[in-house]
Amino acid sequence: MGPIRISGDIFERQSGQARPAEFIVDSREILISTSGLKAEFACHAKELKFEPPLGAVRRKIILPDGRVFESDDLKAVDDLNNSKFWKTLDGVEKPGLHLLPLAIATPILAFGLYR
């Protein structure tokens, strides 16, 4: 299996200017390529900071040098960030039948507190 490639944009520190970039994961080493030909930045996966997932919003990865990589490939970034806490929280936030007891209990509790 070859390296995993994630397309996105890279933002310089404290700048709104984005450049197209490719995030390349090869044996837990991370390479950033903006020219498509050579890697301009390399680091270890443990050095990355991931912003918590927020629905279908672009995923952000903060590099050790302060730059931010953003991607629309939500699944690839989530797979790279195998933090179970954020995955669980993201799953709970999605609507589903697990919210039905809460929807039923809320008005009953509110009425009980009012009385």
PDB file of N, CA and C in Angstrom:
ATOM      1  N   MET A   1       0.845  -1.180   0.000  1.00  0.00           N
ATOM      2  CA  MET A   1       0.000   0.000   0.000  1.00  0.00           C
ATOM      3  C   MET A   1       0.887   1.239   0.000  1.00  0.00           C
ATOM      4  N   GLY A   2       0.610   2.161  -0.908  1.00  0.00           N
ATOM      5  CA  GLY A   2       1.416   3.368  -1.047  1.00  0.00           C
ATOM      6  C   GLY A   2       1.001   4.450  -0.075  1.00  0.00           C
ATOM      7  N   PRO A   3       1.610   5.605  -0.209  1.00  0.00           N
ATOM      8  CA  PRO A   3       1.283   6.713   0.692  1.00  0.00           C
ATOM      9  C   PRO A   3      -0.150   7.207   0.480  1.00  0.00           C
ATOM     10  N   ILE A   4      -0.714   7.742   1.550  1.00  0.00           N
ATOM     11  CA  ILE A   4      -2.051   8.327   1.487  1.00  0.00           C
ATOM     12  C   ILE A   4      -1.890   9.802   1.151  1.00  0.00           C
ATOM     13  N   ARG A   5      -2.660  10.258   0.174  1.00  0.00           N
ATOM     14  CA  ARG A   5      -2.580  11.657  -0.258  1.00  0.00           C
ATOM     15  C   ARG A   5      -3.911  12.345   0.027  1.00  0.00           C
ATOM     16  N   ILE A   6      -3.825  13.495   0.701  1.00  0.00           N
ATOM     17  CA  ILE A   6      -5.013  14.276   1.032  1.00  0.00           C
ATOM     18  C   ILE A   6      -4.844  15.661   0.415  1.00  0.00           C
ATOM     19  N   SER A   7      -5.753  16.031  -0.475  1.00  0.00           N
ATOM     20  CA  SER A   7      -5.685  17.350  -1.113  1.00  0.00           C
ATOM     21  C   SER A   7      -6.373  18.384  -0.245  1.00  0.00           C
ATOM     22  N   GLY A   8      -5.862  19.600  -0.297  1.00  0.00           N
ATOM     23  CA  GLY A   8      -6.462  20.680   0.475  1.00  0.00           C
ATOM     24  C   GLY A   8      -5.731  21.984   0.242  1.00  0.00           C
ATOM     25  N   ASP A   9      -5.802  22.864   1.232  1.00  0.00           N
ATOM     26  CA  ASP A   9      -5.143  24.161   1.171  1.00  0.00           C
ATOM     27  C   ASP A   9      -4.300  24.350   2.416  1.00  0.00           C
ATOM     28  N   ILE A  10      -3.196  25.079   2.246  1.00  0.00           N
ATOM     29  CA  ILE A  10      -2.357  25.390   3.402  1.00  0.00           C
ATOM     30  C   ILE A  10      -2.363  26.900   3.604  1.00  0.00           C
ATOM     31  N   PHE A  11      -2.515  27.298   4.865  1.00  0.00           N
ATOM     32  CA  PHE A  11      -2.546  28.707   5.240  1.00  0.00           C
ATOM     33  C   PHE A  11      -1.288  29.020   6.047  1.00  0.00           C
ATOM     34  N   GLU A  12      -0.620  30.097   5.676  1.00  0.00           N
ATOM     35  CA  GLU A  12       0.542  30.539   6.440  1.00  0.00           C
ATOM     36  C   GLU A  12       0.078  31.073   7.788  1.00  0.00           C
ATOM     37  N   ARG A  13       0.976  31.117   8.753  1.00  0.00           N
ATOM     38  CA  ARG A  13       0.625  31.619  10.083  1.00  0.00           C
ATOM     39  C   ARG A  13       0.059  33.023   9.995  1.00  0.00           C
ATOM     40  N   GLN A  14      -1.044  33.248  10.688  1.00  0.00           N
ATOM     41  CA  GLN A  14      -1.700  34.541  10.794  1.00  0.00           C
ATOM     42  C   GLN A  14      -1.917  35.193   9.431  1.00  0.00           C
ATOM     43  N   SER A  15      -2.331  34.379   8.467  1.00  0.00           N
ATOM     44  CA  SER A  15      -2.589  34.885   7.126  1.00  0.00           C
ATOM     45  C   SER A  15      -3.830  34.212   6.571  1.00  0.00           C
ATOM     46  N   GLY A  16      -4.598  34.941   5.807  1.00  0.00           N
ATOM     47  CA  GLY A  16      -5.774  34.371   5.178  1.00  0.00           C
ATOM     48  C   GLY A  16      -5.480  33.838   3.780  1.00  0.00           C
ATOM     49  N   GLN A  17      -4.233  33.940   3.358  1.00  0.00           N
ATOM     50  CA  GLN A  17      -3.845  33.509   2.023  1.00  0.00           C
ATOM     51  C   GLN A  17      -3.636  32.000   2.003  1.00  0.00           C
ATOM     52  N   ALA A  18      -4.370  31.335   1.121  1.00  0.00           N
ATOM     53  CA  ALA A  18      -4.262  29.879   1.002  1.00  0.00           C
ATOM     54  C   ALA A  18      -3.558  29.504  -0.294  1.00  0.00           C
ATOM     55  N   ARG A  19      -2.815  28.392  -0.209  1.00  0.00           N
ATOM     56  CA  ARG A  19      -2.200  27.811  -1.401  1.00  0.00           C
ATOM     57  C   ARG A  19      -2.639  26.373  -1.490  1.00  0.00           C
ATOM     58  N   PRO A  20      -2.926  25.880  -2.692  1.00  0.00           N
ATOM     59  CA  PRO A  20      -3.247  24.457  -2.824  1.00  0.00           C
ATOM     60  C   PRO A  20      -2.053  23.620  -2.355  1.00  0.00           C
ATOM     61  N   ALA A  21      -2.358  22.551  -1.667  1.00  0.00           N
ATOM     62  CA  ALA A  21      -1.287  21.697  -1.143  1.00  0.00           C
ATOM     63  C   ALA A  21      -1.763  20.254  -1.096  1.00  0.00           C
ATOM     64  N   GLU A  22      -0.807  19.381  -0.942  1.00  0.00           N
ATOM     65  CA  GLU A  22      -1.113  17.962  -0.793  1.00  0.00           C
ATOM     66  C   GLU A  22      -0.432  17.472   0.478  1.00  0.00           C
ATOM     67  N   PHE A  23      -1.201  16.792   1.289  1.00  0.00           N
ATOM     68  CA  PHE A  23      -0.756  16.240   2.565  1.00  0.00           C
ATOM     69  C   PHE A  23      -0.469  14.774   2.295  1.00  0.00           C
ATOM     70  N   ILE A  24       0.760  14.345   2.456  1.00  0.00           N
ATOM     71  CA  ILE A  24       1.150  12.982   2.113  1.00  0.00           C
ATOM     72  C   ILE A  24       1.563  12.247   3.391  1.00  0.00           C
ATOM     73  N   VAL A  25       0.889  11.145   3.670  1.00  0.00           N
ATOM     74  CA  VAL A  25       1.169  10.340   4.861  1.00  0.00           C
ATOM     75  C   VAL A  25       1.836   9.058   4.393  1.00  0.00           C
ATOM     76  N   ASP A  26       3.079   8.869   4.804  1.00  0.00           N
ATOM     77  CA  ASP A  26       3.831   7.680   4.402  1.00  0.00           C
ATOM     78  C   ASP A  26       4.527   7.110   5.628  1.00  0.00           C
ATOM     79  N   SER A  27       4.081   5.972   6.100  1.00  0.00           N
ATOM     80  CA  SER A  27       4.666   5.294   7.271  1.00  0.00           C
ATOM     81  C   SER A  27       4.710   6.223   8.488  1.00  0.00           C
ATOM     82  N   ARG A  28       3.613   6.914   8.725  1.00  0.00           N
ATOM     83  CA  ARG A  28       3.445   7.836   9.862  1.00  0.00           C
ATOM     84  C   ARG A  28       4.340   9.066   9.769  1.00  0.00           C
ATOM     85  N   GLU A  29       5.010   9.275   8.640  1.00  0.00           N
ATOM     86  CA  GLU A  29       5.731  10.523   8.406  1.00  0.00           C
ATOM     87  C   GLU A  29       4.838  11.383   7.524  1.00  0.00           C
ATOM     88  N   ILE A  30       4.790  12.653   7.821  1.00  0.00           N
ATOM     89  CA  ILE A  30       3.916  13.570   7.099  1.00  0.00           C
ATOM     90  C   ILE A  30       4.764  14.469   6.215  1.00  0.00           C
ATOM     91  N   LEU A  31       4.370  14.571   4.955  1.00  0.00           N
ATOM     92  CA  LEU A  31       5.026  15.468   4.016  1.00  0.00           C
ATOM     93  C   LEU A  31       3.983  16.429   3.461  1.00  0.00           C
ATOM     94  N   ILE A  32       4.370  17.684   3.272  1.00  0.00           N
ATOM     95  CA  ILE A  32       3.488  18.667   2.657  1.00  0.00           C
ATOM     96  C   ILE A  32       4.122  19.078   1.343  1.00  0.00           C
ATOM     97  N   SER A  33       3.339  19.001   0.273  1.00  0.00           N
ATOM     98  CA  SER A  33       3.832  19.374  -1.039  1.00  0.00           C
ATOM     99  C   SER A  33       2.907  20.431  -1.624  1.00  0.00           C
ATOM    100  N   THR A  34       3.478  21.571  -2.029  1.00  0.00           N
ATOM    101  CA  THR A  34       2.660  22.614  -2.651  1.00  0.00           C
ATOM    102  C   THR A  34       2.932  22.718  -4.143  1.00  0.00           C
ATOM    103  N   SER A  35       4.048  22.187  -4.583  1.00  0.00           N
ATOM    104  CA  SER A  35       4.373  22.267  -6.008  1.00  0.00           C
ATOM    105  C   SER A  35       4.014  20.991  -6.749  1.00  0.00           C
ATOM    106  N   GLY A  36       3.704  19.925  -6.005  1.00  0.00           N
ATOM    107  CA  GLY A  36       3.384  18.651  -6.627  1.00  0.00           C
ATOM    108  C   GLY A  36       4.618  17.820  -6.935  1.00  0.00           C
ATOM    109  N   LEU A  37       5.790  18.430  -6.862  1.00  0.00           N
ATOM    110  CA  LEU A  37       7.012  17.715  -7.213  1.00  0.00           C
ATOM    111  C   LEU A  37       7.861  17.341  -6.010  1.00  0.00           C
ATOM    112  N   LYS A  38       7.982  18.268  -5.063  1.00  0.00           N
ATOM    113  CA  LYS A  38       8.854  17.994  -3.923  1.00  0.00           C
ATOM    114  C   LYS A  38       8.151  18.352  -2.629  1.00  0.00           C
ATOM    115  N   ALA A  39       8.582  17.729  -1.568  1.00  0.00           N
ATOM    116  CA  ALA A  39       8.012  18.010  -0.250  1.00  0.00           C
ATOM    117  C   ALA A  39       8.730  19.223   0.323  1.00  0.00           C
ATOM    118  N   GLU A  40       7.956  20.179   0.805  1.00  0.00           N
ATOM    119  CA  GLU A  40       8.571  21.371   1.387  1.00  0.00           C
ATOM    120  C   GLU A  40       8.587  21.335   2.911  1.00  0.00           C
ATOM    121  N   PHE A  41       7.899  20.361   3.494  1.00  0.00           N
ATOM    122  CA  PHE A  41       7.829  20.283   4.951  1.00  0.00           C
ATOM    123  C   PHE A  41       7.636  18.825   5.343  1.00  0.00           C
ATOM    124  N   ALA A  42       8.303  18.401   6.381  1.00  0.00           N
ATOM    125  CA  ALA A  42       8.142  17.033   6.871  1.00  0.00           C
ATOM    126  C   ALA A  42       8.083  17.050   8.394  1.00  0.00           C
ATOM    127  N   CYS A  43       7.267  16.174   8.947  1.00  0.00           N
ATOM    128  CA  CYS A  43       7.185  16.048  10.402  1.00  0.00           C
ATOM    129  C   CYS A  43       6.640  14.664  10.738  1.00  0.00           C
ATOM    130  N   HIS A  44       6.588  14.363  12.009  1.00  0.00           N
ATOM    131  CA  HIS A  44       6.043  13.096  12.484  1.00  0.00           C
ATOM    132  C   HIS A  44       4.571  13.298  12.810  1.00  0.00           C
ATOM    133  N   ALA A  45       3.768  12.271  12.648  1.00  0.00           N
ATOM    134  CA  ALA A  45       2.318  12.373  12.876  1.00  0.00           C
ATOM    135  C   ALA A  45       1.981  12.819  14.296  1.00  0.00           C
ATOM    136  N   LYS A  46       2.811  12.471  15.276  1.00  0.00           N
ATOM    137  CA  LYS A  46       2.544  12.842  16.665  1.00  0.00           C
ATOM    138  C   LYS A  46       2.673  14.343  16.907  1.00  0.00           C
ATOM    139  N   GLU A  47       3.326  15.056  15.993  1.00  0.00           N
ATOM    140  CA  GLU A  47       3.523  16.494  16.144  1.00  0.00           C
ATOM    141  C   GLU A  47       2.316  17.306  15.662  1.00  0.00           C
ATOM    142  N   LEU A  48       1.378  16.669  14.989  1.00  0.00           N
ATOM    143  CA  LEU A  48       0.226  17.370  14.439  1.00  0.00           C
ATOM    144  C   LEU A  48      -0.836  17.608  15.508  1.00  0.00           C
ATOM    145  N   LYS A  49      -1.576  18.699  15.361  1.00  0.00           N
ATOM    146  CA  LYS A  49      -2.724  18.976  16.222  1.00  0.00           C
ATOM    147  C   LYS A  49      -3.946  19.050  15.312  1.00  0.00           C
ATOM    148  N   PHE A  50      -4.999  18.366  15.719  1.00  0.00           N
ATOM    149  CA  PHE A  50      -6.217  18.328  14.929  1.00  0.00           C
ATOM    150  C   PHE A  50      -7.294  19.147  15.625  1.00  0.00           C
ATOM    151  N   GLU A  51      -7.961  20.007  14.857  1.00  0.00           N
ATOM    152  CA  GLU A  51      -9.093  20.722  15.437  1.00  0.00           C
ATOM    153  C   GLU A  51     -10.257  19.745  15.497  1.00  0.00           C
ATOM    154  N   PRO A  52     -11.095  19.858  16.526  1.00  0.00           N
ATOM    155  CA  PRO A  52     -12.225  18.936  16.654  1.00  0.00           C
ATOM    156  C   PRO A  52     -13.132  18.995  15.416  1.00  0.00           C
ATOM    157  N   PRO A  53     -13.635  17.847  14.962  1.00  0.00           N
ATOM    158  CA  PRO A  53     -14.537  17.848  13.806  1.00  0.00           C
ATOM    159  C   PRO A  53     -15.836  18.562  14.145  1.00  0.00           C
ATOM    160  N   LEU A  54     -16.367  19.270  13.167  1.00  0.00           N
ATOM    161  CA  LEU A  54     -17.607  20.003  13.347  1.00  0.00           C
ATOM    162  C   LEU A  54     -18.498  19.724  12.143  1.00  0.00           C
ATOM    163  N   GLY A  55     -19.270  18.650  12.219  1.00  0.00           N
ATOM    164  CA  GLY A  55     -20.182  18.280  11.129  1.00  0.00           C
ATOM    165  C   GLY A  55     -19.449  18.080   9.821  1.00  0.00           C
ATOM    166  N   ALA A  56     -19.919  18.772   8.772  1.00  0.00           N
ATOM    167  CA  ALA A  56     -19.332  18.630   7.438  1.00  0.00           C
ATOM    168  C   ALA A  56     -18.392  19.784   7.094  1.00  0.00           C
ATOM    169  N   VAL A  57     -17.911  20.500   8.123  1.00  0.00           N
ATOM    170  CA  VAL A  57     -16.986  21.612   7.912  1.00  0.00           C
ATOM    171  C   VAL A  57     -15.601  21.046   7.613  1.00  0.00           C
ATOM    172  N   ARG A  58     -14.851  21.755   6.786  1.00  0.00           N
ATOM    173  CA  ARG A  58     -13.499  21.315   6.425  1.00  0.00           C
ATOM    174  C   ARG A  58     -12.689  21.000   7.676  1.00  0.00           C
ATOM    175  N   ARG A  59     -11.929  19.932   7.618  1.00  0.00           N
ATOM    176  CA  ARG A  59     -11.095  19.532   8.741  1.00  0.00           C
ATOM    177  C   ARG A  59      -9.789  20.339   8.719  1.00  0.00           C
ATOM    178  N   LYS A  60      -9.340  20.738   9.909  1.00  0.00           N
ATOM    179  CA  LYS A  60      -8.117  21.527  10.033  1.00  0.00           C
ATOM    180  C   LYS A  60      -7.056  20.733  10.792  1.00  0.00           C
ATOM    181  N   ILE A  61      -5.840  20.796  10.258  1.00  0.00           N
ATOM    182  CA  ILE A  61      -4.687  20.176  10.891  1.00  0.00           C
ATOM    183  C   ILE A  61      -3.672  21.291  11.121  1.00  0.00           C
ATOM    184  N   ILE A  62      -3.230  21.452  12.366  1.00  0.00           N
ATOM    185  CA  ILE A  62      -2.254  22.485  12.688  1.00  0.00           C
ATOM    186  C   ILE A  62      -0.874  21.843  12.707  1.00  0.00           C
ATOM    187  N   LEU A  63       0.008  22.369  11.881  1.00  0.00           N
ATOM    188  CA  LEU A  63       1.365  21.848  11.755  1.00  0.00           C
ATOM    189  C   LEU A  63       2.252  22.413  12.873  1.00  0.00           C
ATOM    190  N   PRO A  64       3.353  21.751  13.184  1.00  0.00           N
ATOM    191  CA  PRO A  64       4.233  22.225  14.268  1.00  0.00           C
ATOM    192  C   PRO A  64       4.771  23.640  14.042  1.00  0.00           C
ATOM    193  N   ASP A  65       4.893  24.067  12.785  1.00  0.00           N
ATOM    194  CA  ASP A  65       5.421  25.411  12.516  1.00  0.00           C
ATOM    195  C   ASP A  65       4.332  26.486  12.540  1.00  0.00           C
ATOM    196  N   GLY A  66       3.090  26.113  12.886  1.00  0.00           N
ATOM    197  CA  GLY A  66       2.006  27.085  13.034  1.00  0.00           C
ATOM    198  C   GLY A  66       1.112  27.219  11.818  1.00  0.00           C
ATOM    199  N   ARG A  67       1.499  26.651  10.692  1.00  0.00           N
ATOM    200  CA  ARG A  67       0.632  26.715   9.519  1.00  0.00           C
ATOM    201  C   ARG A  67      -0.559  25.783   9.698  1.00  0.00           C
ATOM    202  N   VAL A  68      -1.621  26.046   8.944  1.00  0.00           N
ATOM    203  CA  VAL A  68      -2.844  25.249   9.041  1.00  0.00           C
ATOM    204  C   VAL A  68      -3.154  24.641   7.684  1.00  0.00           C
ATOM    205  N   PHE A  69      -3.397  23.331   7.691  1.00  0.00           N
ATOM    206  CA  PHE A  69      -3.813  22.615   6.481  1.00  0.00           C
ATOM    207  C   PHE A  69      -5.294  22.309   6.621  1.00  0.00           C
ATOM    208  N   GLU A  70      -6.087  22.649   5.600  1.00  0.00           N
ATOM    209  CA  GLU A  70      -7.519  22.368   5.598  1.00  0.00           C
ATOM    210  C   GLU A  70      -7.857  21.486   4.415  1.00  0.00           C
ATOM    211  N   SER A  71      -8.789  20.543   4.651  1.00  0.00           N
ATOM    212  CA  SER A  71      -9.178  19.632   3.584  1.00  0.00           C
ATOM    213  C   SER A  71     -10.679  19.345   3.634  1.00  0.00           C
ATOM    214  N   ASP A  72     -11.245  19.119   2.457  1.00  0.00           N
ATOM    215  CA  ASP A  72     -12.641  18.695   2.342  1.00  0.00           C
ATOM    216  C   ASP A  72     -12.766  17.178   2.455  1.00  0.00           C
ATOM    217  N   ASP A  73     -11.646  16.475   2.425  1.00  0.00           N
ATOM    218  CA  ASP A  73     -11.657  15.014   2.530  1.00  0.00           C
ATOM    219  C   ASP A  73     -11.789  14.637   4.005  1.00  0.00           C
ATOM    220  N   LEU A  74     -13.021  14.727   4.511  1.00  0.00           N
ATOM    221  CA  LEU A  74     -13.291  14.556   5.936  1.00  0.00           C
ATOM    222  C   LEU A  74     -12.878  13.186   6.442  1.00  0.00           C
ATOM    223  N   LYS A  75     -13.182  12.155   5.680  1.00  0.00           N
ATOM    224  CA  LYS A  75     -12.888  10.790   6.122  1.00  0.00           C
ATOM    225  C   LYS A  75     -11.385  10.550   6.248  1.00  0.00           C
ATOM    226  N   ALA A  76     -10.616  11.024   5.280  1.00  0.00           N
ATOM    227  CA  ALA A  76      -9.165  10.805   5.323  1.00  0.00           C
ATOM    228  C   ALA A  76      -8.537  11.507   6.527  1.00  0.00           C
ATOM    229  N   VAL A  77      -8.981  12.732   6.816  1.00  0.00           N
ATOM    230  CA  VAL A  77      -8.429  13.462   7.961  1.00  0.00           C
ATOM    231  C   VAL A  77      -8.871  12.802   9.263  1.00  0.00           C
ATOM    232  N   ASP A  78     -10.137  12.376   9.328  1.00  0.00           N
ATOM    233  CA  ASP A  78     -10.628  11.706  10.531  1.00  0.00           C
ATOM    234  C   ASP A  78      -9.901  10.382  10.766  1.00  0.00           C
ATOM    235  N   ASP A  79      -9.585   9.666   9.679  1.00  0.00           N
ATOM    236  CA  ASP A  79      -8.835   8.415   9.815  1.00  0.00           C
ATOM    237  C   ASP A  79      -7.416   8.681  10.317  1.00  0.00           C
ATOM    238  N   LEU A  80      -6.843   9.784   9.873  1.00  0.00           N
ATOM    239  CA  LEU A  80      -5.501  10.151  10.314  1.00  0.00           C
ATOM    240  C   LEU A  80      -5.509  10.521  11.798  1.00  0.00           C
ATOM    241  N   ASN A  81      -6.570  11.210  12.220  1.00  0.00           N
ATOM    242  CA  ASN A  81      -6.721  11.591  13.627  1.00  0.00           C
ATOM    243  C   ASN A  81      -7.614  10.554  14.293  1.00  0.00           C
ATOM    244  N   ASN A  82      -7.035   9.539  14.843  1.00  0.00           N
ATOM    245  CA  ASN A  82      -7.834   8.467  15.427  1.00  0.00           C
ATOM    246  C   ASN A  82      -8.145   8.751  16.895  1.00  0.00           C
ATOM    247  N   SER A  83      -8.626   9.963  17.179  1.00  0.00           N
ATOM    248  CA  SER A  83      -9.044  10.334  18.532  1.00  0.00           C
ATOM    249  C   SER A  83     -10.482   9.881  18.735  1.00  0.00           C
ATOM    250  N   LYS A  84     -10.689   8.885  19.574  1.00  0.00           N
ATOM    251  CA  LYS A  84     -12.022   8.317  19.771  1.00  0.00           C
ATOM    252  C   LYS A  84     -12.978   9.308  20.433  1.00  0.00           C
ATOM    253  N   PHE A  85     -12.462  10.201  21.270  1.00  0.00           N
ATOM    254  CA  PHE A  85     -13.331  11.161  21.950  1.00  0.00           C
ATOM    255  C   PHE A  85     -14.089  12.014  20.943  1.00  0.00           C
ATOM    256  N   TRP A  86     -13.373  12.606  19.962  1.00  0.00           N
ATOM    257  CA  TRP A  86     -14.020  13.494  19.007  1.00  0.00           C
ATOM    258  C   TRP A  86     -14.939  12.730  18.060  1.00  0.00           C
ATOM    259  N   LYS A  87     -14.571  11.505  17.704  1.00  0.00           N
ATOM    260  CA  LYS A  87     -15.445  10.706  16.848  1.00  0.00           C
ATOM    261  C   LYS A  87     -16.745  10.385  17.566  1.00  0.00           C
ATOM    262  N   THR A  88     -16.659  10.058  18.857  1.00  0.00           N
ATOM    263  CA  THR A  88     -17.856   9.753  19.640  1.00  0.00           C
ATOM    264  C   THR A  88     -18.730  10.991  19.766  1.00  0.00           C
ATOM    265  N   LEU A  89     -18.123  12.132  20.076  1.00  0.00           N
ATOM    266  CA  LEU A  89     -18.879  13.371  20.215  1.00  0.00           C
ATOM    267  C   LEU A  89     -19.543  13.748  18.897  1.00  0.00           C
ATOM    268  N   ASP A  90     -18.846  13.588  17.794  1.00  0.00           N
ATOM    269  CA  ASP A  90     -19.415  13.900  16.488  1.00  0.00           C
ATOM    270  C   ASP A  90     -20.610  12.996  16.194  1.00  0.00           C
ATOM    271  N   GLY A  91     -20.540  11.724  16.573  1.00  0.00           N
ATOM    272  CA  GLY A  91     -21.641  10.784  16.361  1.00  0.00           C
ATOM    273  C   GLY A  91     -22.843  11.120  17.214  1.00  0.00           C
ATOM    274  N   VAL A  92     -22.616  11.586  18.439  1.00  0.00           N
ATOM    275  CA  VAL A  92     -23.716  11.937  19.334  1.00  0.00           C
ATOM    276  C   VAL A  92     -24.435  13.193  18.842  1.00  0.00           C
ATOM    277  N   GLU A  93     -23.704  14.100  18.212  1.00  0.00           N
ATOM    278  CA  GLU A  93     -24.304  15.347  17.746  1.00  0.00           C
ATOM    279  C   GLU A  93     -25.232  15.143  16.550  1.00  0.00           C
ATOM    280  N   LYS A  94     -25.074  14.063  15.833  1.00  0.00           N
ATOM    281  CA  LYS A  94     -25.917  13.805  14.667  1.00  0.00           C
ATOM    282  C   LYS A  94     -27.300  13.353  15.120  1.00  0.00           C
ATOM    283  N   PRO A  95     -28.362  13.838  14.431  1.00  0.00           N
ATOM    284  CA  PRO A  95     -29.712  13.431  14.830  1.00  0.00           C
ATOM    285  C   PRO A  95     -29.911  11.928  14.655  1.00  0.00           C
ATOM    286  N   GLY A  96     -30.707  11.354  15.529  1.00  0.00           N
ATOM    287  CA  GLY A  96     -30.984   9.929  15.445  1.00  0.00           C
ATOM    288  C   GLY A  96     -31.937   9.512  16.545  1.00  0.00           C
ATOM    289  N   LEU A  97     -32.253   8.235  16.569  1.00  0.00           N
ATOM    290  CA  LEU A  97     -33.194   7.716  17.561  1.00  0.00           C
ATOM    291  C   LEU A  97     -32.670   7.788  18.987  1.00  0.00           C
ATOM    292  N   HIS A  98     -31.355   7.891  19.157  1.00  0.00           N
ATOM    293  CA  HIS A  98     -30.810   7.972  20.506  1.00  0.00           C
ATOM    294  C   HIS A  98     -31.226   9.266  21.214  1.00  0.00           C
ATOM    295  N   LEU A  99     -31.733  10.244  20.454  1.00  0.00           N
ATOM    296  CA  LEU A  99     -32.189  11.508  21.048  1.00  0.00           C
ATOM    297  C   LEU A  99     -33.665  11.481  21.444  1.00  0.00           C
ATOM    298  N   LEU A 100     -34.395  10.453  21.048  1.00  0.00           N
ATOM    299  CA  LEU A 100     -35.827  10.372  21.343  1.00  0.00           C
ATOM    300  C   LEU A 100     -36.127  10.389  22.843  1.00  0.00           C
ATOM    301  N   PRO A 101     -35.451   9.594  23.669  1.00  0.00           N
ATOM    302  CA  PRO A 101     -35.741   9.671  25.111  1.00  0.00           C
ATOM    303  C   PRO A 101     -35.498  11.067  25.691  1.00  0.00           C
ATOM    304  N   LEU A 102     -34.470  11.738  25.209  1.00  0.00           N
ATOM    305  CA  LEU A 102     -34.187  13.093  25.678  1.00  0.00           C
ATOM    306  C   LEU A 102     -35.292  14.055  25.255  1.00  0.00           C
ATOM    307  N   ALA A 103     -35.792  13.901  24.034  1.00  0.00           N
ATOM    308  CA  ALA A 103     -36.865  14.766  23.548  1.00  0.00           C
ATOM    309  C   ALA A 103     -38.155  14.552  24.339  1.00  0.00           C
ATOM    310  N   ILE A 104     -38.387  13.348  24.787  1.00  0.00           N
ATOM    311  CA  ILE A 104     -39.587  13.046  25.576  1.00  0.00           C
ATOM    312  C   ILE A 104     -39.415  13.520  27.023  1.00  0.00           C
ATOM    313  N   ALA A 105     -38.238  13.310  27.588  1.00  0.00           N
ATOM    314  CA  ALA A 105     -38.002  13.629  28.993  1.00  0.00           C
ATOM    315  C   ALA A 105     -37.904  15.134  29.261  1.00  0.00           C
ATOM    316  N   THR A 106     -37.432  15.903  28.292  1.00  0.00           N
ATOM    317  CA  THR A 106     -37.229  17.335  28.521  1.00  0.00           C
ATOM    318  C   THR A 106     -38.520  18.069  28.887  1.00  0.00           C
ATOM    319  N   PRO A 107     -39.623  17.943  28.120  1.00  0.00           N
ATOM    320  CA  PRO A 107     -40.848  18.656  28.514  1.00  0.00           C
ATOM    321  C   PRO A 107     -41.414  18.154  29.851  1.00  0.00           C
ATOM    322  N   ILE A 108     -41.283  16.853  30.113  1.00  0.00           N
ATOM    323  CA  ILE A 108     -41.789  16.301  31.376  1.00  0.00           C
ATOM    324  C   ILE A 108     -41.018  16.883  32.551  1.00  0.00           C
ATOM    325  N   LEU A 109     -39.702  16.933  32.430  1.00  0.00           N
ATOM    326  CA  LEU A 109     -38.874  17.519  33.501  1.00  0.00           C
ATOM    327  C   LEU A 109     -39.140  19.009  33.658  1.00  0.00           C
ATOM    328  N   ALA A 110     -39.289  19.722  32.536  1.00  0.00           N
ATOM    329  CA  ALA A 110     -39.571  21.164  32.612  1.00  0.00           C
ATOM    330  C   ALA A 110     -40.904  21.413  33.320  1.00  0.00           C
ATOM    331  N   PHE A 111     -41.924  20.626  33.004  1.00  0.00           N
ATOM    332  CA  PHE A 111     -43.222  20.783  33.666  1.00  0.00           C
ATOM    333  C   PHE A 111     -43.110  20.456  35.153  1.00  0.00           C
ATOM    334  N   GLY A 112     -42.363  19.395  35.460  1.00  0.00           N
ATOM    335  CA  GLY A 112     -42.175  18.997  36.868  1.00  0.00           C
ATOM    336  C   GLY A 112     -41.462  20.079  37.663  1.00  0.00           C
ATOM    337  N   LEU A 113     -40.469  20.703  37.084  1.00  0.00           N
ATOM    338  CA  LEU A 113     -39.752  21.789  37.763  1.00  0.00           C
ATOM    339  C   LEU A 113     -40.635  23.028  37.928  1.00  0.00           C
ATOM    340  N   TYR A 114     -41.489  23.263  36.967  1.00  0.00           N
ATOM    341  CA  TYR A 114     -42.389  24.415  37.028  1.00  0.00           C
ATOM    342  C   TYR A 114     -43.392  24.247  38.151  1.00  0.00           C
ATOM    343  N   ARG A 115     -43.888  23.021  38.348  1.00  0.00           N
ATOM    344  CA  ARG A 115     -44.891  22.744  39.396  1.00  0.00           C
ATOM    345  C   ARG A 115     -44.200  22.797  40.712  1.00  0.00           C
TER     346      ARG A 115
END
